[in-house]
């Protein structure tokens, strides 16, 4: 009888640890505040490629080095250069639809792509 109670306590403790870990991981993903990212959708351009490149260029020249893409399809019509020190962060549903035959992404030194 006593062993059954111990098993329940151990299972409960493991569940609490797992829930805490999952909550931490979920919040870690969203740990960057609105002021810590450059949002592609905040930029104007004649096409998606220009908007993305404008956001990357802004990030390179500022202290904010993370560029966030929305959960949508982007029509890519020209190469995108991820500049030195910039992180291009894809949303969960971000898709690039490439129109043409060219290298879509060029990643410079100390730049990164995540998502």
N, C-alpha and C. Protein backbone atom coordinates (compact mmCIF):
# COMPACT_ATOMS: atom_id res chain seq x y z
N UNK A 1 0.83 -1.19 0.00
CA UNK A 1 0.00 0.00 0.00
C UNK A 1 0.88 1.25 0.00
N UNK A 2 1.91 1.26 0.82
CA UNK A 2 2.81 2.41 0.92
C UNK A 2 3.56 2.63 -0.40
N UNK A 3 3.90 1.56 -1.10
CA UNK A 3 4.62 1.66 -2.37
C UNK A 3 3.74 2.32 -3.43
N UNK A 4 2.46 2.06 -3.39
CA UNK A 4 1.53 2.66 -4.34
C UNK A 4 1.48 4.17 -4.17
N UNK A 5 1.49 4.65 -2.95
CA UNK A 5 1.48 6.08 -2.67
C UNK A 5 2.77 6.71 -3.17
N UNK A 6 3.90 6.06 -2.96
CA UNK A 6 5.20 6.56 -3.42
C UNK A 6 5.23 6.66 -4.95
N UNK A 7 4.68 5.66 -5.62
CA UNK A 7 4.64 5.69 -7.09
C UNK A 7 3.82 6.88 -7.58
N UNK A 8 2.69 7.13 -6.94
CA UNK A 8 1.84 8.25 -7.32
C UNK A 8 2.56 9.59 -7.11
N UNK A 9 3.29 9.71 -6.01
CA UNK A 9 4.03 10.94 -5.74
C UNK A 9 5.13 11.14 -6.77
N UNK A 10 5.84 10.09 -7.11
CA UNK A 10 6.91 10.18 -8.11
C UNK A 10 6.34 10.56 -9.47
N UNK A 11 5.24 9.94 -9.85
CA UNK A 11 4.60 10.27 -11.14
C UNK A 11 4.14 11.72 -11.14
N UNK A 12 3.57 12.18 -10.04
CA UNK A 12 3.13 13.57 -9.94
C UNK A 12 4.31 14.53 -10.06
N UNK A 13 5.41 14.23 -9.40
CA UNK A 13 6.60 15.09 -9.48
C UNK A 13 7.16 15.13 -10.90
N UNK A 14 7.20 13.99 -11.56
CA UNK A 14 7.68 13.94 -12.95
C UNK A 14 6.77 14.78 -13.84
N UNK A 15 5.46 14.68 -13.64
CA UNK A 15 4.51 15.46 -14.43
C UNK A 15 4.72 16.95 -14.22
N UNK A 16 4.94 17.37 -12.98
CA UNK A 16 5.18 18.79 -12.68
C UNK A 16 6.45 19.28 -13.37
N UNK A 17 7.50 18.48 -13.33
CA UNK A 17 8.76 18.85 -13.99
C UNK A 17 8.56 18.97 -15.49
N UNK A 18 7.85 18.02 -16.10
CA UNK A 18 7.62 18.07 -17.55
C UNK A 18 6.77 19.28 -17.95
N UNK A 19 5.75 19.57 -17.18
CA UNK A 19 4.90 20.73 -17.48
C UNK A 19 5.70 22.03 -17.34
N UNK A 20 6.52 22.11 -16.30
CA UNK A 20 7.36 23.29 -16.11
C UNK A 20 8.33 23.46 -17.27
N UNK A 21 8.95 22.38 -17.70
CA UNK A 21 9.89 22.42 -18.83
C UNK A 21 9.18 22.85 -20.10
N UNK A 22 8.00 22.29 -20.37
CA UNK A 22 7.24 22.65 -21.57
C UNK A 22 6.85 24.12 -21.54
N UNK A 23 6.42 24.61 -20.40
CA UNK A 23 6.05 26.02 -20.26
C UNK A 23 7.26 26.92 -20.51
N UNK A 24 8.41 26.55 -19.96
CA UNK A 24 9.64 27.31 -20.17
C UNK A 24 10.02 27.36 -21.65
N UNK A 25 9.95 26.23 -22.33
CA UNK A 25 10.30 26.18 -23.75
C UNK A 25 9.34 27.02 -24.57
N UNK A 26 8.07 26.97 -24.25
CA UNK A 26 7.07 27.77 -24.98
C UNK A 26 7.34 29.26 -24.81
N UNK A 27 7.61 29.68 -23.59
CA UNK A 27 7.87 31.09 -23.33
C UNK A 27 9.22 31.53 -23.86
N UNK A 28 10.18 30.65 -23.91
CA UNK A 28 11.50 30.97 -24.45
C UNK A 28 11.39 31.34 -25.92
N UNK A 29 10.52 30.63 -26.66
CA UNK A 29 10.31 30.91 -28.07
C UNK A 29 9.79 32.33 -28.28
N UNK A 30 8.95 32.79 -27.37
CA UNK A 30 8.37 34.12 -27.47
C UNK A 30 9.08 35.14 -26.59
N UNK A 31 10.30 34.81 -26.15
CA UNK A 31 10.98 35.67 -25.19
C UNK A 31 11.41 37.00 -25.78
N UNK A 32 11.57 37.07 -27.09
CA UNK A 32 11.90 38.35 -27.70
C UNK A 32 10.65 39.21 -27.73
N UNK A 33 10.76 40.41 -27.19
CA UNK A 33 9.59 41.29 -27.20
C UNK A 33 9.46 41.96 -28.56
N UNK A 34 8.39 42.70 -28.72
CA UNK A 34 8.13 43.42 -29.98
C UNK A 34 9.31 44.31 -30.34
N UNK A 35 9.98 44.87 -29.35
CA UNK A 35 11.09 45.79 -29.59
C UNK A 35 12.40 45.09 -29.92
N UNK A 36 12.43 43.78 -29.84
CA UNK A 36 13.65 43.03 -30.11
C UNK A 36 13.68 42.44 -31.51
N UNK A 37 12.69 42.76 -32.33
CA UNK A 37 12.60 42.18 -33.67
C UNK A 37 12.27 43.27 -34.68
N UNK A 38 12.70 43.03 -35.90
CA UNK A 38 12.27 43.85 -37.03
C UNK A 38 11.25 43.00 -37.78
N UNK A 39 10.05 43.53 -37.98
CA UNK A 39 8.98 42.79 -38.63
C UNK A 39 8.93 43.14 -40.11
N UNK A 40 9.00 42.13 -40.95
CA UNK A 40 8.96 42.33 -42.40
C UNK A 40 7.69 43.07 -42.79
N UNK A 41 6.58 42.76 -42.15
CA UNK A 41 5.29 43.37 -42.51
C UNK A 41 5.23 44.87 -42.22
N UNK A 42 6.18 45.39 -41.46
CA UNK A 42 6.23 46.83 -41.19
C UNK A 42 6.85 47.62 -42.34
N UNK A 43 7.37 46.91 -43.34
CA UNK A 43 8.06 47.57 -44.45
C UNK A 43 7.21 47.56 -45.71
N UNK A 44 7.37 48.59 -46.49
CA UNK A 44 6.67 48.71 -47.77
C UNK A 44 7.64 48.37 -48.88
N UNK A 45 7.12 47.85 -49.96
CA UNK A 45 7.95 47.53 -51.11
C UNK A 45 7.08 47.09 -52.26
N UNK A 46 7.66 47.09 -53.44
CA UNK A 46 6.85 46.71 -54.61
C UNK A 46 6.59 45.21 -54.64
N UNK A 47 7.38 44.44 -53.87
CA UNK A 47 7.14 42.99 -53.79
C UNK A 47 7.70 42.45 -52.48
N UNK A 48 7.42 41.18 -52.21
CA UNK A 48 7.85 40.57 -50.95
C UNK A 48 9.37 40.54 -50.82
N UNK A 49 10.08 40.27 -51.90
CA UNK A 49 11.54 40.23 -51.85
C UNK A 49 12.10 41.56 -51.37
N UNK A 50 11.58 42.65 -51.88
CA UNK A 50 12.05 43.98 -51.48
C UNK A 50 11.74 44.28 -50.02
N UNK A 51 10.54 43.89 -49.56
CA UNK A 51 10.18 44.11 -48.16
C UNK A 51 11.10 43.34 -47.23
N UNK A 52 11.38 42.08 -47.56
CA UNK A 52 12.26 41.26 -46.73
C UNK A 52 13.66 41.86 -46.71
N UNK A 53 14.18 42.25 -47.88
CA UNK A 53 15.53 42.81 -47.93
C UNK A 53 15.60 44.13 -47.18
N UNK A 54 14.56 44.95 -47.26
CA UNK A 54 14.53 46.22 -46.51
C UNK A 54 14.59 45.97 -45.01
N UNK A 55 13.85 44.97 -44.54
CA UNK A 55 13.86 44.64 -43.11
C UNK A 55 15.24 44.15 -42.68
N UNK A 56 15.87 43.33 -43.51
CA UNK A 56 17.22 42.83 -43.21
C UNK A 56 18.21 43.99 -43.17
N UNK A 57 18.13 44.89 -44.14
CA UNK A 57 19.03 46.04 -44.18
C UNK A 57 18.86 46.92 -42.94
N UNK A 58 17.61 47.11 -42.50
CA UNK A 58 17.34 47.89 -41.29
C UNK A 58 17.95 47.21 -40.07
N UNK A 59 17.81 45.89 -39.98
CA UNK A 59 18.37 45.15 -38.85
C UNK A 59 19.89 45.26 -38.82
N UNK A 60 20.50 45.20 -39.99
CA UNK A 60 21.97 45.28 -40.06
C UNK A 60 22.46 46.63 -39.53
N UNK A 61 21.72 47.68 -39.81
CA UNK A 61 22.18 49.02 -39.43
C UNK A 61 21.67 49.46 -38.05
N UNK A 62 20.99 48.58 -37.33
CA UNK A 62 20.48 48.94 -36.01
C UNK A 62 20.96 47.92 -34.97
N UNK A 63 20.55 48.14 -33.73
CA UNK A 63 20.90 47.21 -32.65
C UNK A 63 20.00 45.98 -32.66
N UNK A 64 18.88 46.06 -33.34
CA UNK A 64 17.93 44.95 -33.42
C UNK A 64 18.36 44.06 -34.58
N UNK A 65 18.77 42.84 -34.28
CA UNK A 65 19.38 41.97 -35.29
C UNK A 65 18.49 40.82 -35.74
N UNK A 66 17.27 40.70 -35.21
CA UNK A 66 16.38 39.61 -35.59
C UNK A 66 15.27 40.13 -36.50
N UNK A 67 15.12 39.50 -37.66
CA UNK A 67 14.08 39.85 -38.62
C UNK A 67 13.05 38.73 -38.61
N UNK A 68 11.79 39.07 -38.35
CA UNK A 68 10.73 38.07 -38.23
C UNK A 68 9.82 38.07 -39.45
N UNK A 69 9.66 36.89 -40.03
CA UNK A 69 8.73 36.68 -41.14
C UNK A 69 7.40 36.17 -40.57
N UNK A 70 6.30 36.62 -41.14
CA UNK A 70 4.97 36.17 -40.70
C UNK A 70 4.69 34.75 -41.17
N UNK A 71 3.61 34.19 -40.64
CA UNK A 71 3.15 32.85 -41.03
C UNK A 71 2.32 32.98 -42.31
N UNK A 72 3.00 33.17 -43.43
CA UNK A 72 2.30 33.34 -44.70
C UNK A 72 3.22 32.95 -45.84
N UNK A 73 2.68 33.01 -47.05
CA UNK A 73 3.48 32.75 -48.25
C UNK A 73 4.06 34.06 -48.75
N UNK A 74 5.36 34.04 -49.04
CA UNK A 74 6.04 35.19 -49.62
C UNK A 74 6.44 34.84 -51.04
N UNK A 75 6.13 35.73 -51.97
CA UNK A 75 6.52 35.54 -53.36
C UNK A 75 7.92 36.13 -53.53
N UNK A 76 8.89 35.25 -53.82
CA UNK A 76 10.28 35.67 -53.94
C UNK A 76 10.63 35.80 -55.42
N UNK A 77 10.99 37.02 -55.82
CA UNK A 77 11.28 37.30 -57.23
C UNK A 77 12.72 37.72 -57.47
N UNK A 78 13.49 37.86 -56.38
CA UNK A 78 14.91 38.21 -56.51
C UNK A 78 15.66 37.69 -55.28
N UNK A 79 16.98 37.55 -55.39
CA UNK A 79 17.76 37.01 -54.27
C UNK A 79 17.63 37.86 -53.01
N UNK A 80 17.71 37.19 -51.86
CA UNK A 80 17.67 37.86 -50.56
C UNK A 80 19.02 37.62 -49.89
N UNK A 81 19.66 38.69 -49.43
CA UNK A 81 20.96 38.59 -48.78
C UNK A 81 20.77 38.84 -47.29
N UNK A 82 21.04 37.80 -46.49
CA UNK A 82 20.97 37.93 -45.03
C UNK A 82 22.31 38.51 -44.60
N UNK A 83 22.31 39.75 -44.16
CA UNK A 83 23.53 40.51 -43.88
C UNK A 83 24.22 40.04 -42.61
N UNK A 84 25.48 40.41 -42.51
CA UNK A 84 26.34 40.04 -41.38
C UNK A 84 25.66 40.37 -40.04
N UNK A 85 25.59 39.37 -39.16
CA UNK A 85 25.05 39.56 -37.82
C UNK A 85 23.54 39.51 -37.70
N UNK A 86 22.84 39.32 -38.80
CA UNK A 86 21.37 39.33 -38.79
C UNK A 86 20.84 37.89 -38.72
N UNK A 87 19.78 37.70 -37.94
CA UNK A 87 19.09 36.41 -37.89
C UNK A 87 17.74 36.56 -38.57
N UNK A 88 17.51 35.77 -39.62
CA UNK A 88 16.22 35.74 -40.31
C UNK A 88 15.40 34.63 -39.68
N UNK A 89 14.31 35.00 -39.02
CA UNK A 89 13.51 34.05 -38.24
C UNK A 89 12.19 33.78 -38.95
N UNK A 90 12.04 32.54 -39.43
CA UNK A 90 10.81 32.13 -40.11
C UNK A 90 9.74 31.83 -39.08
N UNK A 91 8.50 32.20 -39.37
CA UNK A 91 7.37 31.81 -38.55
C UNK A 91 7.03 30.35 -38.81
N UNK A 92 6.12 29.81 -38.02
CA UNK A 92 5.76 28.40 -38.16
C UNK A 92 5.23 28.08 -39.55
N UNK A 93 4.45 28.98 -40.12
CA UNK A 93 3.84 28.72 -41.43
C UNK A 93 4.45 29.52 -42.57
N UNK A 94 5.65 30.06 -42.37
CA UNK A 94 6.29 30.85 -43.43
C UNK A 94 6.67 29.97 -44.60
N UNK A 95 6.33 30.43 -45.80
CA UNK A 95 6.70 29.72 -47.03
C UNK A 95 7.24 30.71 -48.04
N UNK A 96 8.28 30.29 -48.76
CA UNK A 96 8.80 31.08 -49.87
C UNK A 96 8.33 30.42 -51.16
N UNK A 97 7.64 31.17 -52.00
CA UNK A 97 7.25 30.71 -53.33
C UNK A 97 8.17 31.44 -54.30
N UNK A 98 9.08 30.68 -54.91
CA UNK A 98 10.13 31.28 -55.74
C UNK A 98 9.67 31.36 -57.18
N UNK A 99 9.76 32.56 -57.74
CA UNK A 99 9.39 32.78 -59.14
C UNK A 99 10.66 33.14 -59.90
N UNK A 100 11.25 32.15 -60.51
CA UNK A 100 12.48 32.37 -61.27
C UNK A 100 13.52 31.33 -60.94
N UNK A 101 14.66 31.46 -61.59
CA UNK A 101 15.76 30.53 -61.39
C UNK A 101 16.97 31.32 -60.89
N UNK A 102 17.13 31.39 -59.57
CA UNK A 102 18.22 32.14 -58.96
C UNK A 102 18.46 31.59 -57.56
N UNK A 103 19.57 31.98 -56.97
CA UNK A 103 19.85 31.60 -55.58
C UNK A 103 18.96 32.46 -54.69
N UNK A 104 18.12 31.81 -53.96
CA UNK A 104 17.11 32.53 -53.17
C UNK A 104 17.74 33.25 -51.99
N UNK A 105 18.61 32.57 -51.24
CA UNK A 105 19.20 33.15 -50.04
C UNK A 105 20.72 33.13 -50.11
N UNK A 106 21.32 34.25 -49.74
CA UNK A 106 22.77 34.32 -49.54
C UNK A 106 22.95 34.72 -48.08
N UNK A 107 23.72 33.93 -47.35
CA UNK A 107 23.90 34.19 -45.93
C UNK A 107 25.34 34.64 -45.70
N UNK A 108 25.51 35.87 -45.22
CA UNK A 108 26.84 36.40 -44.97
C UNK A 108 27.38 35.89 -43.64
N UNK A 109 28.64 36.20 -43.38
CA UNK A 109 29.33 35.77 -42.16
C UNK A 109 28.54 36.20 -40.92
N UNK A 110 28.45 35.29 -39.96
CA UNK A 110 27.77 35.52 -38.68
C UNK A 110 26.28 35.84 -38.82
N UNK A 111 25.70 35.52 -39.95
CA UNK A 111 24.25 35.65 -40.13
C UNK A 111 23.64 34.26 -39.95
N UNK A 112 22.33 34.21 -39.74
CA UNK A 112 21.70 32.90 -39.56
C UNK A 112 20.25 32.92 -40.03
N UNK A 113 19.75 31.71 -40.24
CA UNK A 113 18.36 31.50 -40.62
C UNK A 113 17.79 30.48 -39.64
N UNK A 114 16.65 30.79 -39.05
CA UNK A 114 16.00 29.87 -38.12
C UNK A 114 14.52 29.78 -38.43
N UNK A 115 13.94 28.68 -37.99
CA UNK A 115 12.50 28.57 -38.15
C UNK A 115 12.03 27.22 -38.52
